[in-house]
């Protein structure tokens, strides 16, 4: 997981030196510089709808099974724990906002720090499984006497809310790298751990732990966007937590379930759609460069 996070951050920083485009109406720009070609004569507001959906993944923090030996009144045992993530789903609806004003620093440096801000609420599932195998050993020879194996499964359904600030780096006129940092707060209202029996905890040396229902992270999002038109964009992206806020575990961004830790990760497809501005009366006429020069010389 650390490798994946590092790779995403490096890719995002590499494009920090790339060209940028201002999608917000302002001075010194024509409508062609914003959301598309000249064929669309409609006026759009600097905010609109965003819909996101995609799979979620729970990546175990340890890639290999963990094995430990312990002694109980019943004999000598070897315990092997193997966690595994199970894909889930994320569905979200919210809004996208393009800043209409630039700070004095942004104007002085001639650099756009924030391309857009978006937020959303929805549902997501985080699923996983953990298999525990107990092997009873001969105390003298260490050979196996018997083996017992059980699996625990969790299917957790969250209501989720997030907000993020994004910076886009354009590749040509229609494609861009999307970098976003944000905060997400998730509440697990449907906790369903199944499979394990009390025998597992009674035989083992540890007690299973379940993360609190509330979960909060600072996350990073990296995407590759497509401008479909002046009013809409399509952005496939990957979102990963980079700092845990709650429950507090010294900033750890994973969560514990049973006797294993998992990183929550999502891959989503985001579609944005700006609202149309209602114009009273007839829409203003568009003047081409030749007409401008003619009027200027009159």
Protein backbone atom coordinates (compact mmCIF):
# COMPACT_ATOMS: atom_id res chain seq x y z
CA UNK A 1 0.00 0.00 0.00
CA UNK A 2 2.85 2.40 0.76
CA UNK A 3 4.27 1.71 -2.71
CA UNK A 4 0.91 2.45 -4.36
CA UNK A 5 0.49 5.69 -2.39
CA UNK A 6 4.04 6.82 -3.19
CA UNK A 7 3.53 6.08 -6.89
CA UNK A 8 0.31 8.11 -7.00
CA UNK A 9 1.93 11.09 -5.29
CA UNK A 10 4.97 11.00 -7.59
CA UNK A 11 2.79 10.90 -10.71
CA UNK A 12 0.76 13.83 -9.42
CA UNK A 13 3.85 15.90 -8.62
CA UNK A 14 5.44 15.18 -11.99
CA UNK A 15 2.56 16.95 -13.70
CA UNK A 16 2.73 19.92 -11.35
CA UNK A 17 4.97 21.61 -13.89
CA UNK A 18 2.61 20.96 -16.79
CA UNK A 19 0.48 23.59 -18.48
CA UNK A 20 -2.72 24.66 -16.77
CA UNK A 21 -6.01 26.01 -17.98
CA UNK A 22 -8.42 28.28 -16.19
CA UNK A 23 -11.94 26.86 -16.40
CA UNK A 24 -13.49 29.81 -14.57
CA UNK A 25 -14.95 32.76 -16.53
CA UNK A 26 -12.91 35.91 -15.95
CA UNK A 27 -11.14 38.81 -17.59
CA UNK A 28 -8.85 38.25 -20.52
CA UNK A 29 -10.50 34.99 -21.55
CA UNK A 30 -12.98 34.01 -24.24
CA UNK A 31 -15.53 31.28 -23.87
CA UNK A 32 -13.47 29.09 -26.14
CA UNK A 33 -10.79 29.00 -23.43
CA UNK A 34 -13.12 27.45 -20.88
CA UNK A 35 -15.31 24.45 -21.57
CA UNK A 36 -15.11 23.74 -25.27
CA UNK A 37 -15.66 24.95 -28.78
CA UNK A 38 -17.59 27.83 -30.32
CA UNK A 39 -20.55 25.69 -31.36
CA UNK A 40 -22.13 25.90 -27.89
CA UNK A 41 -23.70 29.34 -27.39
CA UNK A 42 -25.28 28.62 -24.00
CA UNK A 43 -24.20 30.25 -20.76
CA UNK A 44 -23.32 28.00 -17.80
CA UNK A 45 -23.01 28.60 -14.11
CA UNK A 46 -19.67 27.92 -12.37
CA UNK A 47 -21.21 25.01 -10.47
CA UNK A 48 -23.15 21.86 -11.24
CA UNK A 49 -23.81 18.21 -10.55
CA UNK A 50 -21.24 15.48 -9.96
CA UNK A 51 -21.93 11.75 -9.86
CA UNK A 52 -19.32 9.16 -8.87
CA UNK A 53 -19.39 5.38 -8.78
CA UNK A 54 -16.93 2.51 -8.77
CA UNK A 55 -15.44 -0.42 -6.87
CA UNK A 56 -13.83 -0.28 -3.43
CA UNK A 57 -10.98 -2.46 -2.20
CA UNK A 58 -9.65 -3.42 1.22
CA UNK A 59 -5.92 -4.11 0.94
CA UNK A 60 -4.35 -6.06 3.85
CA UNK A 61 -1.37 -4.29 5.40
CA UNK A 62 0.57 -7.55 5.55
CA UNK A 63 0.82 -9.43 2.25
CA UNK A 64 1.82 -12.77 3.78
CA UNK A 65 0.21 -14.94 6.46
CA UNK A 66 1.38 -14.38 10.05
CA UNK A 67 2.37 -17.46 12.04
CA UNK A 68 2.99 -17.63 15.79
CA UNK A 69 3.35 -20.39 18.39
CA UNK A 70 1.78 -20.33 21.84
CA UNK A 71 1.18 -22.67 24.75
CA UNK A 72 -2.16 -23.22 26.49
CA UNK A 73 -3.33 -25.75 29.09
CA UNK A 74 -4.62 -27.75 26.13
CA UNK A 75 -1.22 -28.08 24.51
CA UNK A 76 1.17 -26.36 22.10
CA UNK A 77 -0.44 -24.62 19.14
CA UNK A 78 0.66 -22.82 15.99
CA UNK A 79 -1.62 -20.03 14.79
CA UNK A 80 -1.63 -18.81 11.16
CA UNK A 81 -3.73 -15.77 10.17
CA UNK A 82 -4.37 -14.88 6.52
CA UNK A 83 -6.32 -11.68 5.66
CA UNK A 84 -7.84 -11.00 2.25
CA UNK A 85 -9.74 -8.06 0.81
CA UNK A 86 -13.07 -8.43 -1.01
CA UNK A 87 -14.22 -5.81 -3.57
CA UNK A 88 -17.16 -3.59 -2.68
CA UNK A 89 -18.93 -0.66 -4.33
CA UNK A 90 -19.12 3.14 -3.98
CA UNK A 91 -22.00 5.36 -5.15
CA UNK A 92 -21.96 9.13 -4.58
CA UNK A 93 -23.86 12.25 -5.63
CA UNK A 94 -22.84 15.86 -5.00
CA UNK A 95 -21.77 19.10 -6.64
CA UNK A 96 -18.76 20.69 -8.31
CA UNK A 97 -17.81 24.35 -7.87
CA UNK A 98 -15.38 26.40 -9.97
CA UNK A 99 -13.97 29.44 -8.11
CA UNK A 100 -15.08 32.70 -9.72
CA UNK A 101 -12.47 34.87 -8.00
CA UNK A 102 -8.72 34.52 -7.75
CA UNK A 103 -6.64 35.55 -4.79
CA UNK A 104 -4.15 38.42 -5.04
CA UNK A 105 -1.31 35.92 -4.77
CA UNK A 106 -2.76 33.86 -7.62
CA UNK A 107 -3.07 36.97 -9.79
CA UNK A 108 0.43 38.17 -8.93
CA UNK A 109 2.05 34.83 -9.68
CA UNK A 110 -0.27 34.22 -12.64
CA UNK A 111 -0.90 30.75 -11.30
CA UNK A 112 -4.19 29.01 -10.58
CA UNK A 113 -3.93 27.16 -7.26
CA UNK A 114 -7.44 25.68 -7.21
CA UNK A 115 -9.13 24.39 -10.37
CA UNK A 116 -12.34 23.27 -8.67
CA UNK A 117 -13.86 22.06 -5.41
CA UNK A 118 -16.27 19.16 -5.22
CA UNK A 119 -18.21 17.35 -2.53
CA UNK A 120 -20.49 14.35 -2.32
CA UNK A 121 -22.54 12.08 -0.11
CA UNK A 122 -23.38 8.45 -0.73
CA UNK A 123 -22.81 4.86 0.26
CA UNK A 124 -19.83 2.55 0.11
CA UNK A 125 -19.10 -1.04 1.09
CA UNK A 126 -15.84 -2.27 2.61
CA UNK A 127 -15.56 -6.04 2.64
CA UNK A 128 -12.93 -8.55 3.63
CA UNK A 129 -12.15 -11.91 5.11
CA UNK A 130 -9.65 -13.43 7.52
CA UNK A 131 -8.77 -17.10 7.82
CA UNK A 132 -7.26 -18.47 11.05
CA UNK A 133 -5.74 -21.93 11.23
CA UNK A 134 -4.77 -23.57 14.52
CA UNK A 135 -2.37 -26.49 14.36
CA UNK A 136 -1.80 -28.55 17.49
CA UNK A 137 1.83 -29.61 17.77
CA UNK A 138 3.56 -32.41 19.58
CA UNK A 139 5.47 -30.65 22.41
CA UNK A 140 8.53 -32.89 21.92
CA UNK A 141 8.86 -33.50 18.18
CA UNK A 142 6.95 -30.43 16.94
CA UNK A 143 5.01 -32.55 14.44
CA UNK A 144 1.37 -31.79 13.65
CA UNK A 145 -1.28 -33.60 15.66
CA UNK A 146 -4.47 -31.92 14.42
CA UNK A 147 -5.61 -28.80 12.53
CA UNK A 148 -8.67 -26.58 12.87
CA UNK A 149 -9.45 -23.74 10.42
CA UNK A 150 -12.14 -21.07 10.42
CA UNK A 151 -12.81 -17.90 8.42
CA UNK A 152 -14.37 -14.61 9.45
CA UNK A 153 -16.07 -12.37 6.90
CA UNK A 154 -17.15 -8.73 7.19
CA UNK A 155 -19.47 -6.79 4.89
CA UNK A 156 -19.64 -3.23 6.18
CA UNK A 157 -21.96 -0.65 4.66
CA UNK A 158 -21.08 3.01 5.21
CA UNK A 159 -22.83 6.28 4.60
CA UNK A 160 -20.04 8.55 3.40
CA UNK A 161 -19.46 12.29 2.96
CA UNK A 162 -16.39 13.97 1.48
CA UNK A 163 -15.07 17.30 0.21
CA UNK A 164 -11.93 17.84 -1.86
CA UNK A 165 -9.89 20.60 -3.49
CA UNK A 166 -8.56 19.81 -6.96
CA UNK A 167 -5.82 21.11 -9.22
CA UNK A 168 -5.79 20.21 -12.91
CA UNK A 169 -2.77 20.05 -15.23
CA UNK A 170 -3.75 20.02 -18.88
CA UNK A 171 -2.36 17.87 -21.66
CA UNK A 172 -3.61 19.66 -24.75
CA UNK A 173 -7.12 21.12 -24.72
CA UNK A 174 -9.28 18.17 -23.70
CA UNK A 175 -7.20 15.99 -21.38
CA UNK A 176 -5.85 16.71 -17.92
CA UNK A 177 -4.29 15.18 -14.83
CA UNK A 178 -6.53 15.69 -11.81
CA UNK A 179 -4.93 16.01 -8.34
CA UNK A 180 -7.14 16.29 -5.28
CA UNK A 181 -6.73 16.45 -1.52
CA UNK A 182 -9.75 16.14 0.73
CA UNK A 183 -11.43 14.86 3.86
CA UNK A 184 -13.91 12.00 4.07
CA UNK A 185 -16.11 11.01 7.00
CA UNK A 186 -17.77 7.58 6.92
CA UNK A 187 -20.26 5.99 9.30
CA UNK A 188 -20.67 2.23 9.40
CA UNK A 189 -24.37 1.66 10.01
CA UNK A 190 -24.45 -1.97 8.93
CA UNK A 191 -21.72 -4.00 10.64
CA UNK A 192 -21.85 -7.69 9.78
CA UNK A 193 -18.91 -9.79 10.96
CA UNK A 194 -19.74 -13.47 10.39
CA UNK A 195 -18.09 -16.85 10.31
CA UNK A 196 -15.87 -17.05 13.39
CA UNK A 197 -17.06 -18.93 16.45
CA UNK A 198 -16.05 -18.10 20.07
CA UNK A 199 -13.71 -21.09 19.89
CA UNK A 200 -11.22 -19.03 17.82
CA UNK A 201 -10.82 -16.33 20.48
CA UNK A 202 -10.84 -18.83 23.34
CA UNK A 203 -8.07 -20.85 21.71
CA UNK A 204 -5.96 -17.91 20.54
CA UNK A 205 -3.89 -15.46 22.50
CA UNK A 206 -5.52 -12.28 21.18
CA UNK A 207 -9.00 -10.78 21.24
CA UNK A 208 -10.61 -9.70 17.99
CA UNK A 209 -10.97 -5.95 17.54
CA UNK A 210 -13.50 -4.09 15.40
CA UNK A 211 -12.99 -0.51 14.25
CA UNK A 212 -15.38 2.08 15.63
CA UNK A 213 -18.44 2.83 13.44
CA UNK A 214 -17.08 6.31 12.63
CA UNK A 215 -14.12 6.59 10.27
CA UNK A 216 -12.41 9.79 9.03
CA UNK A 217 -9.40 10.31 6.75
CA UNK A 218 -7.45 12.88 4.82
CA UNK A 219 -7.26 11.38 1.35
CA UNK A 220 -5.47 11.90 -1.95
CA UNK A 221 -7.09 11.46 -5.35
CA UNK A 222 -5.35 11.06 -8.69
CA UNK A 223 -7.30 10.97 -11.93
CA UNK A 224 -7.10 11.42 -15.69
CA UNK A 225 -9.85 13.68 -16.98
CA UNK A 226 -11.63 14.19 -20.29
CA UNK A 227 -13.54 17.30 -21.25
CA UNK A 228 -16.67 16.05 -22.99
CA UNK A 229 -18.07 19.49 -23.69
CA UNK A 230 -18.16 23.00 -22.27
CA UNK A 231 -20.41 21.83 -19.47
CA UNK A 232 -19.30 18.27 -18.65
CA UNK A 233 -16.20 16.25 -17.78
CA UNK A 234 -15.46 12.57 -17.18
CA UNK A 235 -12.73 11.72 -14.65
CA UNK A 236 -11.60 8.16 -13.78
CA UNK A 237 -9.60 8.34 -10.56
CA UNK A 238 -8.09 6.46 -7.62
CA UNK A 239 -8.70 7.61 -4.04
CA UNK A 240 -6.52 6.46 -1.14
CA UNK A 241 -6.34 7.55 2.53
CA UNK A 242 -3.06 9.18 3.54
CA UNK A 243 -3.75 10.21 7.16
CA UNK A 244 -6.21 8.77 9.66
CA UNK A 245 -8.21 11.22 11.77
CA UNK A 246 -10.61 8.84 13.51
CA UNK A 247 -10.42 6.52 15.15
CA UNK A 248 -7.08 7.97 16.17
CA UNK A 249 -4.16 5.56 15.82
CA UNK A 250 -1.25 8.02 15.46
CA UNK A 251 -2.35 8.96 11.97
CA UNK A 252 -2.58 5.41 10.63
CA UNK A 253 -4.95 5.36 7.67
CA UNK A 254 -5.86 1.66 7.82
CA UNK A 255 -8.58 0.09 9.95
CA UNK A 256 -8.55 -3.05 12.07
CA UNK A 257 -11.06 -5.87 11.77
CA UNK A 258 -10.74 -9.22 13.52
CA UNK A 259 -6.96 -9.58 13.94
CA UNK A 260 -5.84 -7.86 10.71
CA UNK A 261 -5.49 -4.34 9.31
CA UNK A 262 -6.85 -3.17 5.96
CA UNK A 263 -6.40 -0.05 3.79
CA UNK A 264 -9.65 1.22 2.23
CA UNK A 265 -9.19 2.25 -1.40
CA UNK A 266 -11.62 3.20 -4.16
CA UNK A 267 -11.46 3.43 -7.95
CA UNK A 268 -14.25 5.59 -9.31
CA UNK A 269 -15.60 7.24 -12.41
CA UNK A 270 -16.78 10.83 -11.87
CA UNK A 271 -19.09 12.68 -14.24
CA UNK A 272 -19.68 16.42 -13.87
CA UNK A 273 -22.43 18.53 -15.45
CA UNK A 274 -22.66 22.32 -15.09
CA UNK A 275 -26.03 24.00 -14.63
CA UNK A 276 -27.22 26.27 -17.41
CA UNK A 277 -27.55 29.98 -16.71
CA UNK A 278 -31.02 31.29 -17.49
CA UNK A 279 -30.75 34.34 -19.73
CA UNK A 280 -33.67 36.79 -19.82
CA UNK A 281 -34.75 37.70 -23.33
CA UNK A 282 -32.60 36.84 -26.32
CA UNK A 283 -29.09 35.64 -25.83
CA UNK A 284 -26.42 38.27 -26.62
CA UNK A 285 -24.97 38.10 -30.10
CA UNK A 286 -21.51 36.68 -30.52
CA UNK A 287 -19.07 38.92 -32.39
CA UNK A 288 -16.19 37.45 -34.39
CA UNK A 289 -12.75 39.03 -34.77
CA UNK A 290 -13.49 40.51 -38.21
CA UNK A 291 -16.60 42.29 -36.93
CA UNK A 292 -14.65 43.59 -33.92
CA UNK A 293 -12.03 45.12 -36.20
CA UNK A 294 -14.74 46.64 -38.42
CA UNK A 295 -16.50 48.25 -35.46
CA UNK A 296 -13.19 49.50 -34.07
CA UNK A 297 -12.36 51.29 -37.33
CA UNK A 298 -15.76 52.96 -37.59
